[in-house]
C-alpha atoms as a PDB file:
ATOM      1  CA  MET A   1      52.685 -10.868 -75.147  1.00  0.00           C
ATOM      2  CA  ASN A   2      56.406 -10.757 -75.882  1.00  0.00           C
ATOM      3  CA  LEU A   3      59.115 -13.019 -74.429  1.00  0.00           C
ATOM      4  CA  SER A   4      60.091 -10.685 -71.581  1.00  0.00           C
ATOM      5  CA  GLU A   5      56.444 -10.369 -70.532  1.00  0.00           C
ATOM      6  CA  PHE A   6      56.015 -14.164 -70.690  1.00  0.00           C
ATOM      7  CA  LEU A   7      59.092 -14.830 -68.529  1.00  0.00           C
ATOM      8  CA  SER A   8      58.017 -12.106 -66.126  1.00  0.00           C
ATOM      9  CA  LEU A   9      54.582 -13.688 -65.905  1.00  0.00           C
ATOM     10  CA  LEU A  10      56.127 -17.047 -65.006  1.00  0.00           C
ATOM     11  CA  LEU A  11      58.035 -15.370 -62.180  1.00  0.00           C
ATOM     12  CA  PHE A  12      54.878 -13.573 -61.080  1.00  0.00           C
ATOM     13  CA  ILE A  13      53.013 -16.897 -60.869  1.00  0.00           C
ATOM     14  CA  ALA A  14      55.874 -18.467 -58.913  1.00  0.00           C
ATOM     15  CA  VAL A  15      56.013 -15.731 -56.272  1.00  0.00           C
ATOM     16  CA  SER A  16      52.217 -15.346 -56.143  1.00  0.00           C
ATOM     17  CA  ILE A  17      51.565 -18.916 -55.026  1.00  0.00           C
ATOM     18  CA  PRO A  18      53.101 -18.543 -51.535  1.00  0.00           C
ATOM     19  CA  ALA A  19      51.704 -14.992 -51.327  1.00  0.00           C
ATOM     20  CA  ALA A  20      48.224 -16.304 -52.123  1.00  0.00           C
ATOM     21  CA  ILE A  21      48.543 -19.045 -49.484  1.00  0.00           C
ATOM     22  CA  ARG A  22      49.598 -16.420 -46.936  1.00  0.00           C
ATOM     23  CA  ALA A  23      46.683 -14.168 -47.932  1.00  0.00           C
ATOM     24  CA  LYS A  24      44.199 -17.024 -47.586  1.00  0.00           C
ATOM     25  CA  PHE A  25      45.598 -17.886 -44.151  1.00  0.00           C
ATOM     26  CA  ARG A  26      45.131 -14.251 -43.102  1.00  0.00           C
ATOM     27  CA  THR A  27      41.466 -14.321 -44.077  1.00  0.00           C
ATOM     28  CA  PHE A  28      40.989 -16.799 -41.208  1.00  0.00           C
ATOM     29  CA  PHE A  29      43.627 -15.351 -38.881  1.00  0.00           C
ATOM     30  CA  PRO A  30      43.814 -11.588 -39.607  1.00  0.00           C
ATOM     31  CA  LEU A  31      46.876  -9.601 -38.676  1.00  0.00           C
ATOM     32  CA  LYS A  32      46.540  -7.526 -35.519  1.00  0.00           C
ATOM     33  CA  TYR A  33      47.672  -3.903 -35.613  1.00  0.00           C
ATOM     34  CA  GLN A  34      48.594  -1.649 -32.721  1.00  0.00           C
ATOM     35  CA  HIS A  35      47.115   1.444 -34.394  1.00  0.00           C
ATOM     36  CA  ARG A  36      44.511   2.180 -36.998  1.00  0.00           C
ATOM     37  CA  THR A  37      46.246   1.014 -40.176  1.00  0.00           C
ATOM     38  CA  VAL A  38      45.828   1.970 -43.829  1.00  0.00           C
ATOM     39  CA  VAL A  39      46.640  -0.821 -46.289  1.00  0.00           C
ATOM     40  CA  ALA A  40      47.705   1.256 -49.256  1.00  0.00           C
ATOM     41  CA  LEU A  41      49.615   1.781 -52.446  1.00  0.00           C
ATOM     42  CA  PRO A  42      51.756   4.747 -51.326  1.00  0.00           C
ATOM     43  CA  TYR A  43      51.099   6.791 -54.482  1.00  0.00           C
ATOM     44  CA  SER A  44      47.405   5.892 -54.945  1.00  0.00           C
ATOM     45  CA  PRO A  45      45.083   8.934 -55.213  1.00  0.00           C
ATOM     46  CA  PHE A  46      42.310   7.142 -53.303  1.00  0.00           C
ATOM     47  CA  CYS A  47      44.786   6.288 -50.536  1.00  0.00           C
ATOM     48  CA  GLU A  48      45.998   9.889 -50.557  1.00  0.00           C
ATOM     49  CA  LYS A  49      42.409  10.976 -49.906  1.00  0.00           C
ATOM     50  CA  VAL A  50      42.406   8.896 -46.714  1.00  0.00           C
ATOM     51  CA  PHE A  51      45.907  10.015 -45.665  1.00  0.00           C
ATOM     52  CA  TRP A  52      44.882  13.667 -46.078  1.00  0.00           C
ATOM     53  CA  ALA A  53      41.677  13.276 -44.074  1.00  0.00           C
ATOM     54  CA  PHE A  54      43.521  11.454 -41.275  1.00  0.00           C
ATOM     55  CA  ASP A  55      46.359  13.988 -41.217  1.00  0.00           C
ATOM     56  CA  ARG A  56      44.039  16.976 -41.077  1.00  0.00           C
ATOM     57  CA  SER A  57      41.975  15.288 -38.368  1.00  0.00           C
ATOM     58  CA  LYS A  58      45.176  14.614 -36.367  1.00  0.00           C
ATOM     59  CA  VAL A  59      44.349  10.907 -36.263  1.00  0.00           C
ATOM     60  CA  THR A  60      47.111   8.493 -35.306  1.00  0.00           C
ATOM     61  CA  TYR A  61      47.549   5.800 -37.938  1.00  0.00           C
ATOM     62  CA  SER A  62      50.145   3.588 -39.538  1.00  0.00           C
ATOM     63  CA  VAL A  63      50.534   2.481 -43.143  1.00  0.00           C
ATOM     64  CA  ARG A  64      50.983  -1.022 -44.479  1.00  0.00           C
ATOM     65  CA  PRO A  65      52.401  -0.371 -47.959  1.00  0.00           C
ATOM     66  CA  VAL A  66      51.309  -2.759 -50.705  1.00  0.00           C
ATOM     67  CA  PHE A  67      53.808  -3.897 -53.328  1.00  0.00           C
ATOM     68  CA  GLN A  68      52.314  -3.647 -56.809  1.00  0.00           C
ATOM     69  CA  GLY A  69      53.597  -7.135 -57.602  1.00  0.00           C
ATOM     70  CA  PHE A  70      51.598  -8.584 -54.672  1.00  0.00           C
ATOM     71  CA  PHE A  71      48.580  -6.335 -55.181  1.00  0.00           C
ATOM     72  CA  PRO A  72      46.188  -9.139 -56.275  1.00  0.00           C
ATOM     73  CA  THR A  73      47.005 -11.318 -53.275  1.00  0.00           C
ATOM     74  CA  THR A  74      46.581  -8.380 -50.892  1.00  0.00           C
ATOM     75  CA  LEU A  75      43.117  -7.793 -52.343  1.00  0.00           C
ATOM     76  CA  MET A  76      42.422 -11.501 -51.821  1.00  0.00           C
ATOM     77  CA  GLU A  77      43.358 -11.177 -48.155  1.00  0.00           C
ATOM     78  CA  PHE A  78      40.633  -8.580 -47.569  1.00  0.00           C
ATOM     79  CA  ALA A  79      38.192  -9.780 -50.264  1.00  0.00           C
ATOM     80  CA  VAL A  80      38.141  -6.326 -51.868  1.00  0.00           C
ATOM     81  CA  GLY A  81      38.607  -4.899 -55.352  1.00  0.00           C
ATOM     82  CA  SER A  82      41.066  -2.160 -54.511  1.00  0.00           C
ATOM     83  CA  VAL A  83      42.754  -0.146 -51.777  1.00  0.00           C
ATOM     84  CA  PRO A  84      42.675   1.697 -49.407  1.00  0.00           C
ATOM     85  CA  VAL A  85      41.610  -0.717 -46.709  1.00  0.00           C
ATOM     86  CA  VAL A  86      41.549   0.680 -43.187  1.00  0.00           C
ATOM     87  CA  VAL A  87      41.825  -1.755 -40.286  1.00  0.00           C
ATOM     88  CA  ASP A  88      40.775  -0.340 -36.916  1.00  0.00           C
ATOM     89  CA  GLY A  89      40.540  -3.075 -34.301  1.00  0.00           C
ATOM     90  CA  ASP A  90      37.883  -5.483 -35.521  1.00  0.00           C
ATOM     91  CA  ALA A  91      36.474  -2.964 -38.011  1.00  0.00           C
ATOM     92  CA  VAL A  92      37.621  -3.106 -41.630  1.00  0.00           C
ATOM     93  CA  LEU A  93      36.686  -0.223 -43.930  1.00  0.00           C
ATOM     94  CA  THR A  94      37.131  -0.923 -47.634  1.00  0.00           C
ATOM     95  CA  ASP A  95      36.349   2.340 -49.407  1.00  0.00           C
ATOM     96  CA  SER A  96      37.715   5.880 -49.051  1.00  0.00           C
ATOM     97  CA  LYS A  97      34.207   7.339 -48.808  1.00  0.00           C
ATOM     98  CA  GLU A  98      33.406   4.891 -46.013  1.00  0.00           C
ATOM     99  CA  VAL A  99      36.558   5.978 -44.181  1.00  0.00           C
ATOM    100  CA  LEU A 100      35.646   9.675 -44.386  1.00  0.00           C
ATOM    101  CA  ASP A 101      32.087   8.913 -43.251  1.00  0.00           C
ATOM    102  CA  SER A 102      33.504   7.085 -40.245  1.00  0.00           C
ATOM    103  CA  LEU A 103      35.770  10.031 -39.408  1.00  0.00           C
ATOM    104  CA  CYS A 104      32.814  12.401 -39.567  1.00  0.00           C
ATOM    105  CA  GLU A 105      30.862  10.159 -37.195  1.00  0.00           C
ATOM    106  CA  GLU A 106      33.822  10.342 -34.788  1.00  0.00           C
ATOM    107  CA  GLY A 107      33.317  14.101 -34.571  1.00  0.00           C
ATOM    108  CA  HIS A 108      35.348  15.490 -37.466  1.00  0.00           C
ATOM    109  CA  SER A 109      32.386  17.415 -38.811  1.00  0.00           C
ATOM    110  CA  TRP A 110      34.556  19.704 -40.977  1.00  0.00           C
ATOM    111  CA  LEU A 111      34.481  16.937 -43.572  1.00  0.00           C
ATOM    112  CA  TYR A 112      30.739  17.211 -44.267  1.00  0.00           C
ATOM    113  CA  PRO A 113      29.337  20.496 -42.921  1.00  0.00           C
ATOM    114  CA  SER A 114      26.408  20.402 -45.374  1.00  0.00           C
ATOM    115  CA  PRO A 115      24.607  18.061 -47.807  1.00  0.00           C
ATOM    116  CA  ALA A 116      26.133  20.040 -50.695  1.00  0.00           C
ATOM    117  CA  VAL A 117      29.562  18.708 -49.753  1.00  0.00           C
ATOM    118  CA  ARG A 118      28.420  15.113 -50.124  1.00  0.00           C
ATOM    119  CA  THR A 119      26.910  15.923 -53.508  1.00  0.00           C
ATOM    120  CA  ALA A 120      30.146  17.540 -54.668  1.00  0.00           C
ATOM    121  CA  GLU A 121      32.259  14.665 -53.341  1.00  0.00           C
ATOM    122  CA  HIS A 122      30.139  12.226 -55.332  1.00  0.00           C
ATOM    123  CA  GLU A 123      30.601  14.303 -58.495  1.00  0.00           C
ATOM    124  CA  PHE A 124      34.391  14.361 -58.021  1.00  0.00           C
ATOM    125  CA  GLY A 125      34.619  10.734 -57.010  1.00  0.00           C
ATOM    126  CA  ASP A 126      35.302   7.387 -58.616  1.00  0.00           C
ATOM    127  CA  ALA A 127      34.876   8.423 -62.254  1.00  0.00           C
ATOM    128  CA  LEU A 128      37.500  11.154 -61.889  1.00  0.00           C
ATOM    129  CA  GLY A 129      39.928   8.900 -60.018  1.00  0.00           C
ATOM    130  CA  LYS A 130      39.629   6.079 -62.522  1.00  0.00           C
ATOM    131  CA  GLY A 131      39.948   8.444 -65.475  1.00  0.00           C
ATOM    132  CA  VAL A 132      43.036  10.140 -64.055  1.00  0.00           C
ATOM    133  CA  ALA A 133      44.681   6.774 -63.322  1.00  0.00           C
ATOM    134  CA  ARG A 134      44.143   5.562 -66.867  1.00  0.00           C
ATOM    135  CA  VAL A 135      45.451   8.728 -68.494  1.00  0.00           C
ATOM    136  CA  VAL A 136      48.555   8.638 -66.283  1.00  0.00           C
ATOM    137  CA  TYR A 137      49.223   4.922 -66.781  1.00  0.00           C
ATOM    138  CA  HIS A 138      48.844   5.309 -70.530  1.00  0.00           C
ATOM    139  CA  HIS A 139      51.569   7.959 -70.692  1.00  0.00           C
ATOM    140  CA  LEU A 140      53.914   6.180 -68.278  1.00  0.00           C
ATOM    141  CA  PHE A 141      53.456   2.605 -69.508  1.00  0.00           C
ATOM    142  CA  SER A 142      53.826   3.559 -73.192  1.00  0.00           C
ATOM    143  CA  THR A 143      57.270   5.164 -72.919  1.00  0.00           C
ATOM    144  CA  ASP A 144      60.680   4.029 -71.692  1.00  0.00           C
ATOM    145  CA  GLU A 145      61.028   7.148 -69.529  1.00  0.00           C
ATOM    146  CA  GLY A 146      57.628   6.516 -67.986  1.00  0.00           C
ATOM    147  CA  CYS A 147      58.423   2.892 -67.159  1.00  0.00           C
ATOM    148  CA  VAL A 148      61.613   3.965 -65.379  1.00  0.00           C
ATOM    149  CA  LEU A 149      59.629   6.430 -63.283  1.00  0.00           C
ATOM    150  CA  LEU A 150      56.895   3.929 -62.452  1.00  0.00           C
ATOM    151  CA  LYS A 151      59.397   1.329 -61.281  1.00  0.00           C
ATOM    152  CA  ARG A 152      60.877   3.978 -59.001  1.00  0.00           C
ATOM    153  CA  CYS A 153      57.433   4.730 -57.571  1.00  0.00           C
ATOM    154  CA  TRP A 154      56.678   1.064 -57.001  1.00  0.00           C
ATOM    155  CA  LYS A 155      59.788   0.698 -54.829  1.00  0.00           C
ATOM    156  CA  VAL A 156      58.867   3.505 -52.413  1.00  0.00           C
ATOM    157  CA  ASP A 157      58.486   2.234 -48.819  1.00  0.00           C
ATOM    158  CA  MET A 158      58.807  -1.401 -49.930  1.00  0.00           C
ATOM    159  CA  ALA A 159      60.765  -4.178 -48.225  1.00  0.00           C
ATOM    160  CA  PRO A 160      64.164  -5.143 -49.713  1.00  0.00           C
ATOM    161  CA  LEU A 161      62.785  -8.322 -51.334  1.00  0.00           C
ATOM    162  CA  GLU A 162      59.930  -6.399 -52.939  1.00  0.00           C
ATOM    163  CA  ARG A 163      62.317  -3.785 -54.327  1.00  0.00           C
ATOM    164  CA  LEU A 164      64.441  -6.604 -55.722  1.00  0.00           C
ATOM    165  CA  LEU A 165      61.411  -8.183 -57.414  1.00  0.00           C
ATOM    166  CA  CYS A 166      60.100  -4.957 -58.880  1.00  0.00           C
ATOM    167  CA  ASP A 167      62.145  -4.831 -62.091  1.00  0.00           C
ATOM    168  CA  PRO A 168      61.702  -8.493 -63.118  1.00  0.00           C
ATOM    169  CA  LEU A 169      57.957  -8.432 -62.327  1.00  0.00           C
ATOM    170  CA  PHE A 170      57.349  -5.098 -64.037  1.00  0.00           C
ATOM    171  CA  PRO A 171      56.751  -6.442 -67.599  1.00  0.00           C
ATOM    172  CA  ALA A 172      54.043  -8.840 -66.378  1.00  0.00           C
ATOM    173  CA  CYS A 173      52.387  -6.157 -64.256  1.00  0.00           C
ATOM    174  CA  ARG A 174      52.481  -3.709 -67.163  1.00  0.00           C
ATOM    175  CA  TRP A 175      50.943  -6.244 -69.557  1.00  0.00           C
ATOM    176  CA  ALA A 176      48.180  -7.191 -67.119  1.00  0.00           C
ATOM    177  CA  MET A 177      47.369  -3.643 -66.081  1.00  0.00           C
ATOM    178  CA  MET A 178      47.213  -2.233 -69.605  1.00  0.00           C
ATOM    179  CA  SER A 179      44.814  -5.020 -70.555  1.00  0.00           C
ATOM    180  CA  GLY A 180      42.690  -4.550 -67.455  1.00  0.00           C
ATOM    181  CA  LEU A 181      42.583  -0.746 -67.598  1.00  0.00           C
ATOM    182  CA  GLY A 182      41.357  -0.622 -71.186  1.00  0.00           C
ATOM    183  CA  ILE A 183      44.209   1.474 -72.522  1.00  0.00           C
ATOM    184  CA  PRO A 184      45.056   2.736 -75.040  1.00  0.00           C
ATOM    185  CA  GLU A 185      41.722   2.025 -76.773  1.00  0.00           C
ATOM    186  CA  GLY A 186      39.642   3.708 -74.067  1.00  0.00           C
ATOM    187  CA  LEU A 187      41.923   6.716 -73.626  1.00  0.00           C
ATOM    188  CA  PRO A 188      39.725   9.299 -75.464  1.00  0.00           C
ATOM    189  CA  GLY A 189      36.777   8.537 -73.194  1.00  0.00           C
ATOM    190  CA  PHE A 190      38.873   8.672 -70.024  1.00  0.00           C
ATOM    191  CA  THR A 191      40.431  11.973 -71.076  1.00  0.00           C
ATOM    192  CA  ALA A 192      37.011  13.449 -71.833  1.00  0.00           C
ATOM    193  CA  ALA A 193      35.691  12.390 -68.408  1.00  0.00           C
ATOM    194  CA  VAL A 194      38.635  14.091 -66.672  1.00  0.00           C
ATOM    195  CA  ASP A 195      38.241  17.209 -68.848  1.00  0.00           C
ATOM    196  CA  GLU A 196      34.577  17.452 -67.877  1.00  0.00           C
ATOM    197  CA  VAL A 197      35.316  17.420 -64.145  1.00  0.00           C
ATOM    198  CA  PHE A 198      38.188  19.899 -64.465  1.00  0.00           C
ATOM    199  CA  ALA A 199      35.925  22.246 -66.453  1.00  0.00           C
ATOM    200  CA  ARG A 200      33.173  21.972 -63.833  1.00  0.00           C
ATOM    201  CA  VAL A 201      35.592  22.723 -61.009  1.00  0.00           C
ATOM    202  CA  SER A 202      37.104  25.648 -62.911  1.00  0.00           C
ATOM    203  CA  THR A 203      33.599  27.075 -63.381  1.00  0.00           C
ATOM    204  CA  LEU A 204      32.900  26.808 -59.643  1.00  0.00           C
ATOM    205  CA  LEU A 205      36.135  28.609 -58.826  1.00  0.00           C
ATOM    206  CA  ALA A 206      35.495  31.440 -61.304  1.00  0.00           C
ATOM    207  CA  ASP A 207      33.649  33.474 -58.641  1.00  0.00           C
ATOM    208  CA  GLY A 208      36.776  33.624 -56.470  1.00  0.00           C
ATOM    209  CA  ARG A 209      35.709  31.149 -53.790  1.00  0.00           C
ATOM    210  CA  LYS A 210      38.530  29.604 -51.762  1.00  0.00           C
ATOM    211  CA  TYR A 211      36.963  26.159 -51.419  1.00  0.00           C
ATOM    212  CA  LEU A 212      34.662  24.266 -53.761  1.00  0.00           C
ATOM    213  CA  CYS A 213      31.485  24.494 -51.676  1.00  0.00           C
ATOM    214  CA  SER A 214      32.068  28.113 -50.557  1.00  0.00           C
ATOM    215  CA  THR A 215      32.834  26.903 -47.039  1.00  0.00           C
ATOM    216  CA  PRO A 216      35.098  28.801 -44.620  1.00  0.00           C
ATOM    217  CA  GLU A 217      37.448  25.821 -44.399  1.00  0.00           C
ATOM    218  CA  MET A 218      38.366  22.743 -46.412  1.00  0.00           C
ATOM    219  CA  THR A 219      35.847  19.892 -46.697  1.00  0.00           C
ATOM    220  CA  ALA A 220      35.743  16.352 -48.042  1.00  0.00           C
ATOM    221  CA  ALA A 221      34.858  17.741 -51.476  1.00  0.00           C
ATOM    222  CA  ASP A 222      38.137  19.675 -51.672  1.00  0.00           C
ATOM    223  CA  ILE A 223      40.208  16.738 -50.432  1.00  0.00           C
ATOM    224  CA  THR A 224      38.503  14.382 -52.863  1.00  0.00           C
ATOM    225  CA  PHE A 225      39.089  16.510 -55.938  1.00  0.00           C
ATOM    226  CA  ALA A 226      42.667  17.471 -55.072  1.00  0.00           C
ATOM    227  CA  SER A 227      43.680  13.919 -54.109  1.00  0.00           C
ATOM    228  CA  LEU A 228      42.208  12.259 -57.173  1.00  0.00           C
ATOM    229  CA  ALA A 229      43.543  14.932 -59.534  1.00  0.00           C
ATOM    230  CA  TYR A 230      47.082  15.168 -58.156  1.00  0.00           C
ATOM    231  CA  PRO A 231      48.761  12.660 -60.545  1.00  0.00           C
ATOM    232  CA  LEU A 232      47.872  14.982 -63.437  1.00  0.00           C
ATOM    233  CA  ILE A 233      49.050  18.104 -61.564  1.00  0.00           C
ATOM    234  CA  LEU A 234      52.218  16.852 -59.833  1.00  0.00           C
ATOM    235  CA  PRO A 235      52.357  19.041 -56.720  1.00  0.00           C
ATOM    236  CA  ASP A 236      55.809  19.129 -55.138  1.00  0.00           C
ATOM    237  CA  GLU A 237      54.335  17.747 -51.917  1.00  0.00           C
ATOM    238  CA  LYS A 238      53.762  14.322 -53.551  1.00  0.00           C
ATOM    239  CA  ALA A 239      57.172  14.016 -55.215  1.00  0.00           C
ATOM    240  CA  THR A 240      58.516  11.589 -52.614  1.00  0.00           C
ATOM    241  CA  VAL A 241      55.977   8.883 -53.506  1.00  0.00           C
ATOM    242  CA  PHE A 242      55.148   9.712 -57.126  1.00  0.00           C
ATOM    243  CA  VAL A 243      56.818  11.551 -59.994  1.00  0.00           C
ATOM    244  CA  SER A 244      57.516  15.277 -60.039  1.00  0.00           C
ATOM    245  CA  TRP A 245      57.537  18.100 -62.565  1.00  0.00           C
ATOM    246  CA  GLU A 246      61.330  18.122 -62.274  1.00  0.00           C
ATOM    247  CA  ASP A 247      61.659  14.491 -63.408  1.00  0.00           C
ATOM    248  CA  ALA A 248      62.489  13.445 -66.973  1.00  0.00           C
ATOM    249  CA  LEU A 249      58.818  13.068 -67.866  1.00  0.00           C
ATOM    250  CA  PRO A 250      57.626  11.624 -71.172  1.00  0.00           C
ATOM    251  CA  GLU A 251      56.895  14.597 -73.406  1.00  0.00           C
ATOM    252  CA  GLY A 252      53.247  13.667 -73.917  1.00  0.00           C
ATOM    253  CA  PHE A 253      52.725  13.380 -70.167  1.00  0.00           C
ATOM    254  CA  ARG A 254      54.474  16.696 -69.511  1.00  0.00           C
ATOM    255  CA  THR A 255      52.173  18.353 -72.057  1.00  0.00           C
ATOM    256  CA  GLU A 256      49.134  16.791 -70.363  1.00  0.00           C
ATOM    257  CA  VAL A 257      50.232  17.973 -66.911  1.00  0.00           C
ATOM    258  CA  ARG A 258      51.079  21.460 -68.152  1.00  0.00           C
ATOM    259  CA  ARG A 259      47.632  21.777 -69.732  1.00  0.00           C
ATOM    260  CA  ARG A 260      45.952  20.790 -66.457  1.00  0.00           C
ATOM    261  CA  ARG A 261      48.144  23.057 -64.324  1.00  0.00           C
ATOM    262  CA  GLU A 262      47.119  26.080 -66.402  1.00  0.00           C
ATOM    263  CA  THR A 263      43.419  25.674 -65.548  1.00  0.00           C
ATOM    264  CA  ARG A 264      41.724  27.198 -62.483  1.00  0.00           C
ATOM    265  CA  ALA A 265      41.153  23.664 -61.227  1.00  0.00           C
ATOM    266  CA  GLY A 266      44.824  22.814 -61.610  1.00  0.00           C
ATOM    267  CA  ARG A 267      45.961  25.952 -59.809  1.00  0.00           C
ATOM    268  CA  PHE A 268      43.457  25.130 -57.065  1.00  0.00           C
ATOM    269  CA  VAL A 269      45.070  21.706 -56.544  1.00  0.00           C
ATOM    270  CA  LEU A 270      48.556  23.234 -56.382  1.00  0.00           C
ATOM    271  CA  ARG A 271      47.374  25.810 -53.822  1.00  0.00           C
ATOM    272  CA  LEU A 272      45.634  23.250 -51.624  1.00  0.00           C
ATOM    273  CA  TYR A 273      48.740  21.090 -51.512  1.00  0.00           C
ATOM    274  CA  LYS A 274      50.938  24.070 -50.720  1.00  0.00           C
ATOM    275  CA  GLU A 275      48.690  25.669 -48.093  1.00  0.00           C
ATOM    276  CA  ASP A 276      46.471  22.915 -46.685  1.00  0.00           C
ATOM    277  CA  ARG A 277      48.070  19.513 -47.114  1.00  0.00           C
ATOM    278  CA  TYR A 278      50.566  19.457 -44.244  1.00  0.00           C
ATOM    279  CA  LEU A 279      49.510  21.642 -41.329  1.00  0.00           C
END
């Protein structure tokens, strides 16, 4: 830990104490929301999976954006390990798969028209999302250009105070996240896991099918793969909350994205975002 990281960590501790007290208070007296609400990191692939399913189902919802600097205390508030968290009245759903299951039970059967879709969703699930996140964070955290882009992403939809805190808290967040994510030492394994899923999807698409399970319309399997893969594809439709192909990307990250975009799986993600994301 260098001096800037140490000073940033001191600031993080100072601002986390009142945030932690507030989070603990909310465990006893939860916030009430007028609509179904997604507690989310705006750029998170797992949150994007929920946003996409809600949007396609024409479900009314609001978003409570989570500042990366207050991420641990937000998790404390809901006693969860990550986001998204969906609050719907007294019900609290704490996993994207649980949210899609709930939507299906409400009558949105297009999500899971057959058991094969659930099998495919499982195969394209957590391992892919975690692998993609670690590959992306490695490239962005390890370069000056990447850190500039990440700080921009972390300010999207945040309150003025949170935007003000972003830059001084960034070194502490970077230090903690790189340690917790197991990068760079685990990068080869994460890359291999992502490669395996992309190869499997490309093989499925080789017969010309439009959707992964040969269904007439999109399913949860398609949304899951496209959402979790998007940070390594950079569709234009996500540029407002994440980085884009047109940004000054670190060269290693640009090479990684280009390689993914050239696969059948990558082209599939780009097409889904262009044709099926916002209807």
